[in-house]
All heavy atoms as atom14 arrays in JSON, in Angstrom:
{
  "sequence": "ESGGSLVKPGGSLRLSCAASGFTVDSYMIGWFRQAPGKEREGVSCIQS",
  "atom14_mask": [
    [1, 1, 1, 1, 1, 1, 1, 1, 1, 0, 0, 0, 0, 0],
    [1, 1, 1, 1, 1, 1, 0, 0, 0, 0, 0, 0, 0, 0],
    [1, 1, 1, 1, 0, 0, 0, 0, 0, 0, 0, 0, 0, 0],
    [1, 1, 1, 1, 0, 0, 0, 0, 0, 0, 0, 0, 0, 0],
    [1, 1, 1, 1, 1, 1, 0, 0, 0, 0, 0, 0, 0, 0],
    [1, 1, 1, 1, 1, 1, 1, 1, 0, 0, 0, 0, 0, 0],
    [1, 1, 1, 1, 1, 1, 1, 0, 0, 0, 0, 0, 0, 0],
    [1, 1, 1, 1, 1, 1, 1, 1, 1, 0, 0, 0, 0, 0],
    [1, 1, 1, 1, 1, 1, 1, 0, 0, 0, 0, 0, 0, 0],
    [1, 1, 1, 1, 0, 0, 0, 0, 0, 0, 0, 0, 0, 0],
    [1, 1, 1, 1, 0, 0, 0, 0, 0, 0, 0, 0, 0, 0],
    [1, 1, 1, 1, 1, 1, 0, 0, 0, 0, 0, 0, 0, 0],
    [1, 1, 1, 1, 1, 1, 1, 1, 0, 0, 0, 0, 0, 0],
    [1, 1, 1, 1, 1, 1, 1, 1, 1, 1, 1, 0, 0, 0],
    [1, 1, 1, 1, 1, 1, 1, 1, 0, 0, 0, 0, 0, 0],
    [1, 1, 1, 1, 1, 1, 0, 0, 0, 0, 0, 0, 0, 0],
    [1, 1, 1, 1, 1, 1, 0, 0, 0, 0, 0, 0, 0, 0],
    [1, 1, 1, 1, 1, 0, 0, 0, 0, 0, 0, 0, 0, 0],
    [1, 1, 1, 1, 1, 0, 0, 0, 0, 0, 0, 0, 0, 0],
    [1, 1, 1, 1, 1, 1, 0, 0, 0, 0, 0, 0, 0, 0],
    [1, 1, 1, 1, 0, 0, 0, 0, 0, 0, 0, 0, 0, 0],
    [1, 1, 1, 1, 1, 1, 1, 1, 1, 1, 1, 0, 0, 0],
    [1, 1, 1, 1, 1, 1, 1, 0, 0, 0, 0, 0, 0, 0],
    [1, 1, 1, 1, 1, 1, 1, 0, 0, 0, 0, 0, 0, 0],
    [1, 1, 1, 1, 1, 1, 1, 1, 0, 0, 0, 0, 0, 0],
    [1, 1, 1, 1, 1, 1, 0, 0, 0, 0, 0, 0, 0, 0],
    [1, 1, 1, 1, 1, 1, 1, 1, 1, 1, 1, 1, 0, 0],
    [1, 1, 1, 1, 1, 1, 1, 1, 0, 0, 0, 0, 0, 0],
    [1, 1, 1, 1, 1, 1, 1, 1, 0, 0, 0, 0, 0, 0],
    [1, 1, 1, 1, 0, 0, 0, 0, 0, 0, 0, 0, 0, 0],
    [1, 1, 1, 1, 1, 1, 1, 1, 1, 1, 1, 1, 1, 1],
    [1, 1, 1, 1, 1, 1, 1, 1, 1, 1, 1, 0, 0, 0],
    [1, 1, 1, 1, 1, 1, 1, 1, 1, 1, 1, 0, 0, 0],
    [1, 1, 1, 1, 1, 1, 1, 1, 1, 0, 0, 0, 0, 0],
    [1, 1, 1, 1, 1, 0, 0, 0, 0, 0, 0, 0, 0, 0],
    [1, 1, 1, 1, 1, 1, 1, 0, 0, 0, 0, 0, 0, 0],
    [1, 1, 1, 1, 0, 0, 0, 0, 0, 0, 0, 0, 0, 0],
    [1, 1, 1, 1, 1, 1, 1, 1, 1, 0, 0, 0, 0, 0],
    [1, 1, 1, 1, 1, 1, 1, 1, 1, 0, 0, 0, 0, 0],
    [1, 1, 1, 1, 1, 1, 1, 1, 1, 1, 1, 0, 0, 0],
    [1, 1, 1, 1, 1, 1, 1, 1, 1, 0, 0, 0, 0, 0],
    [1, 1, 1, 1, 0, 0, 0, 0, 0, 0, 0, 0, 0, 0],
    [1, 1, 1, 1, 1, 1, 1, 0, 0, 0, 0, 0, 0, 0],
    [1, 1, 1, 1, 1, 1, 0, 0, 0, 0, 0, 0, 0, 0],
    [1, 1, 1, 1, 1, 1, 0, 0, 0, 0, 0, 0, 0, 0],
    [1, 1, 1, 1, 1, 1, 1, 1, 0, 0, 0, 0, 0, 0],
    [1, 1, 1, 1, 1, 1, 1, 1, 1, 0, 0, 0, 0, 0],
    [1, 1, 1, 1, 1, 1, 0, 0, 0, 0, 0, 0, 0, 0]
  ],
  "atom14_positions": [
    [[0.83, -1.19, 0.0], [0.0, 0.0, 0.0], [0.87, 1.25, 0.0], [2.0, 1.24, 0.52], [-0.91, 0.05, 1.24], [-1.85, -1.11, 1.42], [-1.32, -2.09, 2.42], [-0.08, -2.21, 2.55], [-2.13, -2.79, 3.07], [0.0, 0.0, 0.0], [0.0, 0.0, 0.0], [0.0, 0.0, 0.0], [0.0, 0.0, 0.0], [0.0, 0.0, 0.0]],
    [[0.32, 2.31, -0.54], [0.99, 3.61, -0.5], [-0.08, 4.69, -0.65], [-1.22, 4.4, -1.01], [2.03, 3.74, -1.6], [1.43, 3.63, -2.87], [0.0, 0.0, 0.0], [0.0, 0.0, 0.0], [0.0, 0.0, 0.0], [0.0, 0.0, 0.0], [0.0, 0.0, 0.0], [0.0, 0.0, 0.0], [0.0, 0.0, 0.0], [0.0, 0.0, 0.0]],
    [[0.31, 5.92, -0.37], [-0.59, 7.04, -0.56], [-1.14, 7.66, 0.69], [-1.79, 8.7, 0.64], [0.0, 0.0, 0.0], [0.0, 0.0, 0.0], [0.0, 0.0, 0.0], [0.0, 0.0, 0.0], [0.0, 0.0, 0.0], [0.0, 0.0, 0.0], [0.0, 0.0, 0.0], [0.0, 0.0, 0.0], [0.0, 0.0, 0.0], [0.0, 0.0, 0.0]],
    [[-0.9, 7.03, 1.83], [-1.39, 7.61, 3.07], [-0.65, 8.89, 3.43], [0.52, 9.07, 3.07], [0.0, 0.0, 0.0], [0.0, 0.0, 0.0], [0.0, 0.0, 0.0], [0.0, 0.0, 0.0], [0.0, 0.0, 0.0], [0.0, 0.0, 0.0], [0.0, 0.0, 0.0], [0.0, 0.0, 0.0], [0.0, 0.0, 0.0], [0.0, 0.0, 0.0]],
    [[-1.34, 9.78, 4.11], [-0.73, 11.07, 4.45], [-1.59, 11.79, 5.48], [-2.65, 11.29, 5.89], [-0.63, 11.91, 3.17], [-0.01, 13.14, 3.41], [0.0, 0.0, 0.0], [0.0, 0.0, 0.0], [0.0, 0.0, 0.0], [0.0, 0.0, 0.0], [0.0, 0.0, 0.0], [0.0, 0.0, 0.0], [0.0, 0.0, 0.0], [0.0, 0.0, 0.0]],
    [[-1.13, 12.96, 5.88], [-1.9, 13.87, 6.71], [-2.67, 14.8, 5.77], [-2.08, 15.42, 4.88], [-0.98, 14.67, 7.62], [-1.6, 15.84, 8.38], [-2.64, 15.33, 9.38], [-0.51, 16.64, 9.11], [0.0, 0.0, 0.0], [0.0, 0.0, 0.0], [0.0, 0.0, 0.0], [0.0, 0.0, 0.0], [0.0, 0.0, 0.0], [0.0, 0.0, 0.0]],
    [[-3.96, 14.91, 5.98], [-4.79, 15.75, 5.13], [-5.83, 16.46, 5.98], [-6.22, 15.95, 7.03], [-5.47, 14.88, 4.03], [-6.41, 13.85, 4.64], [-6.17, 15.73, 2.99], [0.0, 0.0, 0.0], [0.0, 0.0, 0.0], [0.0, 0.0, 0.0], [0.0, 0.0, 0.0], [0.0, 0.0, 0.0], [0.0, 0.0, 0.0], [0.0, 0.0, 0.0]],
    [[-6.26, 17.62, 5.55], [-7.24, 18.38, 6.3], [-8.65, 17.86, 6.02], [-8.89, 17.28, 4.95], [-7.16, 19.87, 5.94], [-5.87, 20.52, 6.39], [-5.84, 22.01, 6.05], [-4.55, 22.64, 6.55], [-4.48, 24.08, 6.24], [0.0, 0.0, 0.0], [0.0, 0.0, 0.0], [0.0, 0.0, 0.0], [0.0, 0.0, 0.0], [0.0, 0.0, 0.0]],
    [[-9.55, 18.06, 6.94], [-10.95, 17.65, 6.69], [-11.46, 18.25, 5.39], [-11.19, 19.42, 5.09], [-11.68, 18.21, 7.91], [-10.65, 18.25, 8.98], [-9.37, 18.61, 8.3], [0.0, 0.0, 0.0], [0.0, 0.0, 0.0], [0.0, 0.0, 0.0], [0.0, 0.0, 0.0], [0.0, 0.0, 0.0], [0.0, 0.0, 0.0], [0.0, 0.0, 0.0]],
    [[-12.17, 17.44, 4.65], [-12.66, 17.87, 3.35], [-11.7, 17.58, 2.2], [-12.08, 17.71, 1.03], [0.0, 0.0, 0.0], [0.0, 0.0, 0.0], [0.0, 0.0, 0.0], [0.0, 0.0, 0.0], [0.0, 0.0, 0.0], [0.0, 0.0, 0.0], [0.0, 0.0, 0.0], [0.0, 0.0, 0.0], [0.0, 0.0, 0.0], [0.0, 0.0, 0.0]],
    [[-10.5, 17.18, 2.53], [-9.5, 16.89, 1.51], [-9.66, 15.51, 0.9], [-10.58, 14.75, 1.25], [0.0, 0.0, 0.0], [0.0, 0.0, 0.0], [0.0, 0.0, 0.0], [0.0, 0.0, 0.0], [0.0, 0.0, 0.0], [0.0, 0.0, 0.0], [0.0, 0.0, 0.0], [0.0, 0.0, 0.0], [0.0, 0.0, 0.0], [0.0, 0.0, 0.0]],
    [[-8.75, 15.21, -0.02], [-8.8, 13.94, -0.74], [-7.45, 13.24, -0.71], [-6.4, 13.9, -0.62], [-9.2, 14.18, -2.21], [-10.49, 14.73, -2.31], [0.0, 0.0, 0.0], [0.0, 0.0, 0.0], [0.0, 0.0, 0.0], [0.0, 0.0, 0.0], [0.0, 0.0, 0.0], [0.0, 0.0, 0.0], [0.0, 0.0, 0.0], [0.0, 0.0, 0.0]],
    [[-7.5, 11.93, -0.82], [-6.31, 11.1, -0.95], [-6.65, 9.93, -1.86], [-7.8, 9.5, -1.92], [-5.85, 10.55, 0.4], [-5.08, 11.45, 1.35], [-4.83, 10.7, 2.66], [-3.78, 11.93, 0.75], [0.0, 0.0, 0.0], [0.0, 0.0, 0.0], [0.0, 0.0, 0.0], [0.0, 0.0, 0.0], [0.0, 0.0, 0.0], [0.0, 0.0, 0.0]],
    [[-5.63, 9.43, -2.54], [-5.8, 8.18, -3.28], [-4.78, 7.17, -2.78], [-3.57, 7.4, -2.86], [-5.62, 8.39, -4.78], [-5.99, 7.14, -5.58], [-5.85, 7.31, -7.08], [-4.47, 7.29, -7.52], [-4.1, 7.06, -8.77], [-5.02, 6.84, -9.71], [-2.82, 7.06, -9.11], [0.0, 0.0, 0.0], [0.0, 0.0, 0.0], [0.0, 0.0, 0.0]],
    [[-5.29, 6.08, -2.24], [-4.43, 5.0, -1.79], [-4.23, 4.0, -2.92], [-5.16, 3.75, -3.7], [-5.05, 4.29, -0.58], [-5.39, 5.16, 0.62], [-5.91, 4.28, 1.76], [-4.22, 5.99, 1.07], [0.0, 0.0, 0.0], [0.0, 0.0, 0.0], [0.0, 0.0, 0.0], [0.0, 0.0, 0.0], [0.0, 0.0, 0.0], [0.0, 0.0, 0.0]],
    [[-3.04, 3.45, -2.98], [-2.73, 2.43, -3.98], [-2.39, 1.11, -3.3], [-1.79, 1.1, -2.23], [-1.54, 2.87, -4.84], [-1.8, 4.07, -5.51], [0.0, 0.0, 0.0], [0.0, 0.0, 0.0], [0.0, 0.0, 0.0], [0.0, 0.0, 0.0], [0.0, 0.0, 0.0], [0.0, 0.0, 0.0], [0.0, 0.0, 0.0], [0.0, 0.0, 0.0]],
    [[-2.75, 0.05, -3.95], [-2.42, -1.3, -3.48], [-1.82, -2.03, -4.68], [-2.54, -2.52, -5.55], [-3.68, -2.0, -2.97], [-3.44, -3.74, -2.52], [0.0, 0.0, 0.0], [0.0, 0.0, 0.0], [0.0, 0.0, 0.0], [0.0, 0.0, 0.0], [0.0, 0.0, 0.0], [0.0, 0.0, 0.0], [0.0, 0.0, 0.0], [0.0, 0.0, 0.0]],
    [[-0.49, -2.07, -4.71], [0.21, -2.72, -5.82], [0.4, -4.2, -5.51], [0.9, -4.55, -4.44], [1.56, -2.05, -6.04], [0.0, 0.0, 0.0], [0.0, 0.0, 0.0], [0.0, 0.0, 0.0], [0.0, 0.0, 0.0], [0.0, 0.0, 0.0], [0.0, 0.0, 0.0], [0.0, 0.0, 0.0], [0.0, 0.0, 0.0], [0.0, 0.0, 0.0]],
    [[-0.02, -5.02, -6.44], [0.0, -6.47, -6.23], [1.08, -7.14, -7.08], [1.39, -6.7, -8.19], [-1.36, -7.06, -6.58], [0.0, 0.0, 0.0], [0.0, 0.0, 0.0], [0.0, 0.0, 0.0], [0.0, 0.0, 0.0], [0.0, 0.0, 0.0], [0.0, 0.0, 0.0], [0.0, 0.0, 0.0], [0.0, 0.0, 0.0], [0.0, 0.0, 0.0]],
    [[1.62, -8.22, -6.55], [2.53, -9.06, -7.3], [2.31, -10.51, -6.91], [1.83, -10.79, -5.81], [3.99, -8.65, -7.06], [4.31, -8.75, -5.68], [0.0, 0.0, 0.0], [0.0, 0.0, 0.0], [0.0, 0.0, 0.0], [0.0, 0.0, 0.0], [0.0, 0.0, 0.0], [0.0, 0.0, 0.0], [0.0, 0.0, 0.0], [0.0, 0.0, 0.0]],
    [[2.6, -11.4, -7.83], [2.42, -12.81, -7.56], [1.04, -13.33, -7.91], [0.79, -14.54, -7.79], [0.0, 0.0, 0.0], [0.0, 0.0, 0.0], [0.0, 0.0, 0.0], [0.0, 0.0, 0.0], [0.0, 0.0, 0.0], [0.0, 0.0, 0.0], [0.0, 0.0, 0.0], [0.0, 0.0, 0.0], [0.0, 0.0, 0.0], [0.0, 0.0, 0.0]],
    [[0.15, -12.45, -8.32], [-1.19, -12.83, -8.73], [-1.79, -11.68, -9.53], [-1.23, -10.59, -9.59], [-2.07, -13.17, -7.53], [-2.47, -11.97, -6.71], [-3.75, -11.42, -6.81], [-1.57, -11.38, -5.83], [-4.11, -10.31, -6.06], [-1.92, -10.28, -5.07], [-3.19, -9.74, -5.19], [0.0, 0.0, 0.0], [0.0, 0.0, 0.0], [0.0, 0.0, 0.0]],
    [[-2.92, -11.96, -10.14], [-3.58, -10.95, -10.97], [-4.77, -10.39, -10.23], [-5.68, -11.12, -9.85], [-4.05, -11.58, -12.29], [-2.93, -12.18, -12.96], [-4.66, -10.54, -13.2], [0.0, 0.0, 0.0], [0.0, 0.0, 0.0], [0.0, 0.0, 0.0], [0.0, 0.0, 0.0], [0.0, 0.0, 0.0], [0.0, 0.0, 0.0], [0.0, 0.0, 0.0]],
    [[-4.8, -9.08, -10.05], [-5.88, -8.46, -9.27], [-7.24, -8.68, -9.94], [-8.27, -8.66, -9.29], [-5.65, -6.96, -9.04], [-4.41, -6.74, -8.17], [-5.56, -6.18, -10.34], [0.0, 0.0, 0.0], [0.0, 0.0, 0.0], [0.0, 0.0, 0.0], [0.0, 0.0, 0.0], [0.0, 0.0, 0.0], [0.0, 0.0, 0.0], [0.0, 0.0, 0.0]],
    [[-7.23, -8.88, -11.26], [-8.5, -9.11, -11.96], [-9.23, -10.32, -11.41], [-10.47, -10.37, -11.39], [-8.27, -9.31, -13.45], [-7.99, -8.02, -14.18], [-8.05, -6.95, -13.54], [-7.69, -8.08, -15.39], [0.0, 0.0, 0.0], [0.0, 0.0, 0.0], [0.0, 0.0, 0.0], [0.0, 0.0, 0.0], [0.0, 0.0, 0.0], [0.0, 0.0, 0.0]],
    [[-8.48, -11.33, -10.98], [-9.09, -12.61, -10.64], [-9.33, -12.82, -9.16], [-9.85, -13.85, -8.75], [-8.21, -13.75, -11.17], [-8.12, -13.68, -12.58], [0.0, 0.0, 0.0], [0.0, 0.0, 0.0], [0.0, 0.0, 0.0], [0.0, 0.0, 0.0], [0.0, 0.0, 0.0], [0.0, 0.0, 0.0], [0.0, 0.0, 0.0], [0.0, 0.0, 0.0]],
    [[-8.93, -11.85, -8.35], [-9.06, -11.98, -6.9], [-10.03, -10.93, -6.35], [-10.23, -9.88, -6.95], [-7.71, -11.79, -6.22], [-6.85, -13.02, -6.17], [-6.44, -13.66, -7.34], [-6.44, -13.56, -4.96], [-5.66, -14.79, -7.3], [-5.65, -14.7, -4.9], [-5.26, -15.31, -6.08], [-4.49, -16.43, -6.04], [0.0, 0.0, 0.0], [0.0, 0.0, 0.0]],
    [[-10.6, -11.22, -5.22], [-11.34, -10.23, -4.46], [-10.33, -9.39, -3.69], [-9.45, -9.95, -3.01], [-12.33, -10.89, -3.51], [-13.19, -9.9, -2.75], [-14.41, -10.71, -1.7], [-15.53, -11.42, -2.94], [0.0, 0.0, 0.0], [0.0, 0.0, 0.0], [0.0, 0.0, 0.0], [0.0, 0.0, 0.0], [0.0, 0.0, 0.0], [0.0, 0.0, 0.0]],
    [[-10.44, -8.09, -3.79], [-9.55, -7.17, -3.1], [-10.38, -6.34, -2.14], [-11.39, -5.75, -2.53], [-8.82, -6.23, -4.09], [-8.17, -7.02, -5.23], [-7.8, -5.39, -3.33], [-7.06, -7.94, -4.82], [0.0, 0.0, 0.0], [0.0, 0.0, 0.0], [0.0, 0.0, 0.0], [0.0, 0.0, 0.0], [0.0, 0.0, 0.0], [0.0, 0.0, 0.0]],
    [[-9.93, -6.29, -0.92], [-10.63, -5.49, 0.08], [-9.74, -4.42, 0.67], [-8.52, -4.6, 0.78], [0.0, 0.0, 0.0], [0.0, 0.0, 0.0], [0.0, 0.0, 0.0], [0.0, 0.0, 0.0], [0.0, 0.0, 0.0], [0.0, 0.0, 0.0], [0.0, 0.0, 0.0], [0.0, 0.0, 0.0], [0.0, 0.0, 0.0], [0.0, 0.0, 0.0]],
    [[-10.35, -3.31, 1.01], [-9.68, -2.27, 1.79], [-10.29, -2.29, 3.2], [-11.53, -2.28, 3.33], [-9.85, -0.89, 1.17], [-8.95, -0.6, 0.02], [-9.24, -0.69, -1.3], [-7.58, -0.17, 0.1], [-8.14, -0.34, -2.05], [-7.11, -0.01, -1.23], [-6.7, 0.11, 1.16], [-5.81, 0.41, -1.52], [-5.42, 0.52, 0.86], [-4.98, 0.67, -0.47]],
    [[-9.42, -2.31, 4.19], [-9.84, -2.31, 5.58], [-9.1, -1.19, 6.29], [-8.1, -0.68, 5.8], [-9.51, -3.66, 6.23], [-10.19, -4.83, 5.58], [-9.65, -5.44, 4.46], [-11.39, -5.33, 6.1], [-10.29, -6.51, 3.85], [-12.02, -6.4, 5.49], [-11.48, -6.99, 4.37], [0.0, 0.0, 0.0], [0.0, 0.0, 0.0], [0.0, 0.0, 0.0]],
    [[-9.6, -0.81, 7.44], [-8.9, 0.19, 8.24], [-9.02, -0.13, 9.71], [-9.96, -0.79, 10.15], [-9.44, 1.59, 7.94], [-10.87, 1.83, 8.39], [-11.35, 3.2, 7.92], [-12.7, 3.49, 8.34], [-13.4, 4.56, 7.96], [-12.85, 5.45, 7.12], [-14.63, 4.76, 8.41], [0.0, 0.0, 0.0], [0.0, 0.0, 0.0], [0.0, 0.0, 0.0]],
    [[-8.03, 0.35, 10.45], [-8.05, 0.15, 11.89], [-7.57, 1.42, 12.56], [-6.44, 1.87, 12.34], [-7.17, -1.03, 12.3], [-7.31, -1.4, 13.76], [-6.76, -2.77, 14.07], [-5.96, -3.32, 13.33], [-7.2, -3.34, 15.19], [0.0, 0.0, 0.0], [0.0, 0.0, 0.0], [0.0, 0.0, 0.0], [0.0, 0.0, 0.0], [0.0, 0.0, 0.0]],
    [[-8.45, 1.99, 13.36], [-8.12, 3.18, 14.14], [-7.62, 2.75, 15.51], [-7.95, 1.65, 15.98], [-9.34, 4.07, 14.26], [0.0, 0.0, 0.0], [0.0, 0.0, 0.0], [0.0, 0.0, 0.0], [0.0, 0.0, 0.0], [0.0, 0.0, 0.0], [0.0, 0.0, 0.0], [0.0, 0.0, 0.0], [0.0, 0.0, 0.0], [0.0, 0.0, 0.0]],
    [[-6.85, 3.59, 16.19], [-6.34, 3.24, 17.52], [-7.47, 2.87, 18.47], [-8.47, 3.6, 18.58], [-5.63, 4.52, 17.98], [-5.24, 5.2, 16.72], [-6.34, 4.91, 15.75], [0.0, 0.0, 0.0], [0.0, 0.0, 0.0], [0.0, 0.0, 0.0], [0.0, 0.0, 0.0], [0.0, 0.0, 0.0], [0.0, 0.0, 0.0], [0.0, 0.0, 0.0]],
    [[-7.32, 1.74, 19.12], [-8.31, 1.31, 20.09], [-9.59, 0.75, 19.51], [-10.53, 0.44, 20.24], [0.0, 0.0, 0.0], [0.0, 0.0, 0.0], [0.0, 0.0, 0.0], [0.0, 0.0, 0.0], [0.0, 0.0, 0.0], [0.0, 0.0, 0.0], [0.0, 0.0, 0.0], [0.0, 0.0, 0.0], [0.0, 0.0, 0.0], [0.0, 0.0, 0.0]],
    [[-9.63, 0.61, 18.19], [-10.83, 0.08, 17.55], [-10.51, -1.18, 16.76], [-9.36, -1.45, 16.42], [-11.43, 1.13, 16.62], [-11.97, 2.35, 17.33], [-12.75, 3.24, 16.38], [-13.37, 4.42, 17.1], [-14.15, 5.28, 16.18], [0.0, 0.0, 0.0], [0.0, 0.0, 0.0], [0.0, 0.0, 0.0], [0.0, 0.0, 0.0], [0.0, 0.0, 0.0]],
    [[-11.54, -1.93, 16.48], [-11.37, -3.14, 15.68], [-11.2, -2.79, 14.21], [-11.66, -1.73, 13.76], [-12.57, -4.06, 15.87], [-12.66, -4.67, 17.25], [-13.74, -5.74, 17.34], [-14.41, -6.0, 16.32], [-13.9, -6.31, 18.42], [0.0, 0.0, 0.0], [0.0, 0.0, 0.0], [0.0, 0.0, 0.0], [0.0, 0.0, 0.0], [0.0, 0.0, 0.0]],
    [[-10.56, -3.7, 13.49], [-10.43, -3.52, 12.05], [-11.81, -3.57, 11.41], [-12.64, -4.43, 11.77], [-9.53, -4.6, 11.47], [-9.2, -4.43, 10.01], [-8.18, -5.46, 9.56], [-6.91, -5.3, 10.26], [-5.85, -6.05, 10.01], [-5.9, -7.01, 9.11], [-4.73, -5.85, 10.69], [0.0, 0.0, 0.0], [0.0, 0.0, 0.0], [0.0, 0.0, 0.0]],
    [[-12.07, -2.67, 10.47], [-13.36, -2.66, 9.8], [-13.19, -2.63, 8.29], [-12.2, -2.1, 7.76], [-14.19, -1.44, 10.25], [-13.61, -0.1, 9.88], [-14.56, 1.05, 10.15], [-15.77, 0.82, 10.31], [-14.07, 2.2, 10.18], [0.0, 0.0, 0.0], [0.0, 0.0, 0.0], [0.0, 0.0, 0.0], [0.0, 0.0, 0.0], [0.0, 0.0, 0.0]],
    [[-14.14, -3.21, 7.61], [-14.12, -3.19, 6.16], [-14.53, -1.83, 5.64], [-15.46, -1.2, 6.17], [0.0, 0.0, 0.0], [0.0, 0.0, 0.0], [0.0, 0.0, 0.0], [0.0, 0.0, 0.0], [0.0, 0.0, 0.0], [0.0, 0.0, 0.0], [0.0, 0.0, 0.0], [0.0, 0.0, 0.0], [0.0, 0.0, 0.0], [0.0, 0.0, 0.0]],
    [[-13.84, -1.37, 4.62], [-14.12, -0.07, 4.03], [-14.75, -0.25, 2.64], [-15.79, 0.32, 2.33], [-12.83, 0.76, 3.91], [-13.1, 2.06, 3.16], [-12.24, 1.03, 5.29], [0.0, 0.0, 0.0], [0.0, 0.0, 0.0], [0.0, 0.0, 0.0], [0.0, 0.0, 0.0], [0.0, 0.0, 0.0], [0.0, 0.0, 0.0], [0.0, 0.0, 0.0]],
    [[-14.08, -1.07, 1.83], [-14.56, -1.25, 0.46], [-14.02, -2.56, -0.08], [-13.04, -3.11, 0.44], [-14.11, -0.09, -0.42], [-14.62, -0.23, -1.74], [0.0, 0.0, 0.0], [0.0, 0.0, 0.0], [0.0, 0.0, 0.0], [0.0, 0.0, 0.0], [0.0, 0.0, 0.0], [0.0, 0.0, 0.0], [0.0, 0.0, 0.0], [0.0, 0.0, 0.0]],
    [[-14.66, -3.05, -1.12], [-14.29, -4.34, -1.68], [-14.62, -4.34, -3.17], [-15.59, -3.7, -3.59], [-15.07, -5.43, -0.95], [-14.91, -7.08, -1.6], [0.0, 0.0, 0.0], [0.0, 0.0, 0.0], [0.0, 0.0, 0.0], [0.0, 0.0, 0.0], [0.0, 0.0, 0.0], [0.0, 0.0, 0.0], [0.0, 0.0, 0.0], [0.0, 0.0, 0.0]],
    [[-13.8, -5.05, -3.93], [-14.09, -5.22, -5.35], [-13.94, -6.7, -5.69], [-12.94, -7.33, -5.33], [-13.19, -4.32, -6.23], [-13.6, -4.4, -7.7], [-11.71, -4.66, -6.05], [-12.99, -3.29, -8.56], [0.0, 0.0, 0.0], [0.0, 0.0, 0.0], [0.0, 0.0, 0.0], [0.0, 0.0, 0.0], [0.0, 0.0, 0.0], [0.0, 0.0, 0.0]],
    [[-14.94, -7.23, -6.34], [-14.94, -8.65, -6.66], [-14.07, -8.95, -7.88], [-13.75, -8.04, -8.65], [-16.37, -9.11, -6.93], [-17.26, -8.98, -5.73], [-18.73, -9.19, -6.04], [-19.57, -8.95, -5.17], [-19.09, -9.63, -7.24], [0.0, 0.0, 0.0], [0.0, 0.0, 0.0], [0.0, 0.0, 0.0], [0.0, 0.0, 0.0], [0.0, 0.0, 0.0]],
    [[-13.74, -10.22, -8.06], [-13.09, -10.66, -9.28], [-13.94, -10.23, -10.47], [-15.17, -10.22, -10.4], [-12.95, -12.17, -9.26], [-12.72, -12.68, -10.56], [0.0, 0.0, 0.0], [0.0, 0.0, 0.0], [0.0, 0.0, 0.0], [0.0, 0.0, 0.0], [0.0, 0.0, 0.0], [0.0, 0.0, 0.0], [0.0, 0.0, 0.0], [0.0, 0.0, 0.0]]
  ]
}
C-alpha cells in the first residue's frame, strides 16, 4: 500500500495497493482500516 498522508478535513487522498504474484482481476480485493483502540473494519471491496 501507499498514498497515506496527513490531510485536512474535506481533503482527498488516493491509496494504492500494488500487487505481485497474482492478478488483481481474478481476486477479491478489500480495503480495511483500523483506528487506535478500535477493531479492524471493512471499508470497500471489489470482486473478481
